[in-house]
C-alpha atoms as a PDB file:
ATOM      1  CA  MET A   1      10.532  11.910 -15.557  1.00  0.00           C
ATOM      2  CA  ALA A   2      13.615  13.441 -13.250  1.00  0.00           C
ATOM      3  CA  THR A   3      14.881  11.045 -10.847  1.00  0.00           C
ATOM      4  CA  LYS A   4      17.396  11.599  -7.835  1.00  0.00           C
ATOM      5  CA  LYS A   5      19.604   8.845  -6.568  1.00  0.00           C
ATOM      6  CA  ILE A   6      19.595   8.589  -2.792  1.00  0.00           C
ATOM      7  CA  THR A   7      20.879   6.054  -0.087  1.00  0.00           C
ATOM      8  CA  VAL A   8      18.737   4.796   2.578  1.00  0.00           C
ATOM      9  CA  PRO A   9      19.705   2.053   4.948  1.00  0.00           C
ATOM     10  CA  ILE A  10      17.135  -0.899   4.848  1.00  0.00           C
ATOM     11  CA  PRO A  11      17.235  -4.090   7.009  1.00  0.00           C
ATOM     12  CA  GLU A  12      18.794  -6.901   5.164  1.00  0.00           C
ATOM     13  CA  ASP A  13      15.974  -9.299   5.665  1.00  0.00           C
ATOM     14  CA  LEU A  14      13.437  -6.715   4.499  1.00  0.00           C
ATOM     15  CA  LEU A  15      15.708  -6.137   1.571  1.00  0.00           C
ATOM     16  CA  ASP A  16      15.918  -9.639   0.542  1.00  0.00           C
ATOM     17  CA  GLU A  17      12.053 -10.009   0.482  1.00  0.00           C
ATOM     18  CA  ILE A  18      11.769  -6.859  -1.481  1.00  0.00           C
ATOM     19  CA  ARG A  19      14.318  -7.890  -4.272  1.00  0.00           C
ATOM     20  CA  ALA A  20      12.336 -11.288  -4.535  1.00  0.00           C
ATOM     21  CA  ASP A  21       9.034  -9.477  -4.993  1.00  0.00           C
ATOM     22  CA  ALA A  22      10.423  -6.755  -7.424  1.00  0.00           C
ATOM     23  CA  ALA A  23      12.491  -8.890  -9.554  1.00  0.00           C
ATOM     24  CA  GLU A  24      10.614  -8.070 -12.738  1.00  0.00           C
ATOM     25  CA  ARG A  25      10.021  -4.322 -12.391  1.00  0.00           C
ATOM     26  CA  GLY A  26      13.267  -3.668 -10.471  1.00  0.00           C
ATOM     27  CA  LEU A  27      13.948  -2.568  -6.927  1.00  0.00           C
ATOM     28  CA  SER A  28      13.929   1.212  -7.894  1.00  0.00           C
ATOM     29  CA  ALA A  29      10.388   0.987  -9.298  1.00  0.00           C
ATOM     30  CA  TYR A  30       9.261  -1.082  -6.323  1.00  0.00           C
ATOM     31  CA  VAL A  31      10.516   1.348  -3.860  1.00  0.00           C
ATOM     32  CA  ALA A  32       9.230   4.390  -5.867  1.00  0.00           C
ATOM     33  CA  GLU A  33       5.700   2.724  -5.940  1.00  0.00           C
ATOM     34  CA  ALA A  34       5.703   1.870  -2.129  1.00  0.00           C
ATOM     35  CA  LEU A  35       6.795   5.507  -1.478  1.00  0.00           C
ATOM     36  CA  ARG A  36       3.864   6.681  -3.579  1.00  0.00           C
ATOM     37  CA  PHE A  37       1.359   4.353  -1.769  1.00  0.00           C
ATOM     38  CA  LYS A  38       2.686   5.609   1.437  1.00  0.00           C
ATOM     39  CA  ARG A  39       2.234   9.167   0.627  1.00  0.00           C
ATOM     40  CA  ASP A  40      -1.292   8.572  -0.715  1.00  0.00           C
ATOM     41  CA  ARG A  41      -1.960   6.714   2.515  1.00  0.00           C
ATOM     42  CA  ASP A  42      -0.748   9.792   4.591  1.00  0.00           C
ATOM     43  CA  ARG A  43      -3.080  12.016   2.634  1.00  0.00           C
ATOM     44  CA  LEU A  44      -5.914   9.607   2.957  1.00  0.00           C
ATOM     45  CA  LEU A  45      -5.578   9.718   6.863  1.00  0.00           C
ATOM     46  CA  GLU A  46      -5.377  13.431   6.727  1.00  0.00           C
ATOM     47  CA  LEU A  47      -8.689  13.379   4.949  1.00  0.00           C
ATOM     48  CA  VAL A  48     -10.208  11.138   7.494  1.00  0.00           C
ATOM     49  CA  ASP A  49      -9.037  13.484  10.428  1.00  0.00           C
ATOM     50  CA  TRP A  50     -10.728  16.472   8.570  1.00  0.00           C
ATOM     51  CA  LEU A  51     -13.945  14.242   7.835  1.00  0.00           C
ATOM     52  CA  GLN A  52     -14.084  13.283  11.426  1.00  0.00           C
ATOM     53  CA  GLU A  53     -13.762  16.940  12.643  1.00  0.00           C
ATOM     54  CA  GLU A  54     -16.514  17.933  10.296  1.00  0.00           C
ATOM     55  CA  HIS A  55     -18.873  14.859  10.751  1.00  0.00           C
ATOM     56  CA  GLY A  56     -17.805  13.286  13.932  1.00  0.00           C
ATOM     57  CA  PRO A  57     -15.907  10.053  14.588  1.00  0.00           C
ATOM     58  CA  VAL A  58     -16.677   6.858  12.919  1.00  0.00           C
ATOM     59  CA  THR A  59     -19.076   4.366  14.571  1.00  0.00           C
ATOM     60  CA  GLU A  60     -18.246   1.077  15.653  1.00  0.00           C
ATOM     61  CA  ASP A  61     -20.747  -0.544  13.022  1.00  0.00           C
ATOM     62  CA  GLU A  62     -19.087   1.809  10.072  1.00  0.00           C
ATOM     63  CA  ARG A  63     -15.461   0.638  11.280  1.00  0.00           C
ATOM     64  CA  ALA A  64     -16.365  -3.038  11.232  1.00  0.00           C
ATOM     65  CA  ALA A  65     -18.095  -2.679   7.765  1.00  0.00           C
ATOM     66  CA  ALA A  66     -14.572  -0.876   6.492  1.00  0.00           C
ATOM     67  CA  LEU A  67     -12.768  -3.735   8.205  1.00  0.00           C
ATOM     68  CA  GLY A  68     -14.697  -6.408   6.600  1.00  0.00           C
ATOM     69  CA  GLU A  69     -14.167  -4.705   3.131  1.00  0.00           C
ATOM     70  CA  LEU A  70     -10.375  -4.518   3.896  1.00  0.00           C
ATOM     71  CA  ASP A  71     -10.365  -8.273   4.782  1.00  0.00           C
ATOM     72  CA  ASP A  72     -11.975  -9.004   1.367  1.00  0.00           C
ATOM     73  CA  LEU A  73      -9.509  -6.899  -0.423  1.00  0.00           C
ATOM     74  CA  ASP A  74      -6.682  -8.639   1.325  1.00  0.00           C
ATOM     75  CA  ALA A  75      -8.078 -12.068   0.507  1.00  0.00           C
ATOM     76  CA  GLU A  76      -8.289 -11.030  -3.216  1.00  0.00           C
ATOM     77  CA  HIS A  77      -4.710  -9.553  -3.216  1.00  0.00           C
ATOM     78  CA  GLU A  78      -3.589 -12.872  -1.685  1.00  0.00           C
ATOM     79  CA  ARG A  79      -5.534 -14.722  -4.324  1.00  0.00           C
ATOM     80  CA  ARG A  80      -3.815 -12.847  -6.985  1.00  0.00           C
ATOM     81  CA  ARG A  81      -0.533 -12.955  -5.598  1.00  0.00           C
ATOM     82  CA  THR A  82      -0.414 -16.773  -5.337  1.00  0.00           C
ATOM     83  CA  ALA A  83      -2.058 -17.038  -8.717  1.00  0.00           C
ATOM     84  CA  GLY A  84       1.072 -15.272 -10.044  1.00  0.00           C
ATOM     85  CA  GLY A  85      -0.380 -11.845 -10.792  1.00  0.00           C
ATOM     86  CA  HIS A  86       2.028  -9.155  -9.390  1.00  0.00           C
ATOM     87  CA  ASP A  87      -0.003  -5.971 -10.761  1.00  0.00           C
ATOM     88  CA  ALA A  88      -0.773  -4.305  -7.374  1.00  0.00           C
ATOM     89  CA  GLY A  89      -1.811  -1.348  -9.200  1.00  0.00           C
ATOM     90  CA  GLY A  90      -4.056  -2.674 -11.841  1.00  0.00           C
ATOM     91  CA  ALA A  91      -7.779  -2.464 -12.141  1.00  0.00           C
ATOM     92  CA  ALA A  92      -9.997  -5.082  -9.771  1.00  0.00           C
END
């Protein structure tokens, strides 16, 4: 895969945290993965907007159910992180 080097200012405290988290796979891989996640999230938000235009807004019950699932995912992520698993992209 072709790559291109860029310069991006990052707050020092954030960079220190990222370097600690990215130690094994490297800073460049970590940043590239984070940018892919952000791009994918932006695309999902576009899909949500389109679906709401087509089918109406999300109800409070639907929103509560989705937030509950996100809480469960966050708890599982934290469990894996504290257990030493750093494979955020792996299968659940």
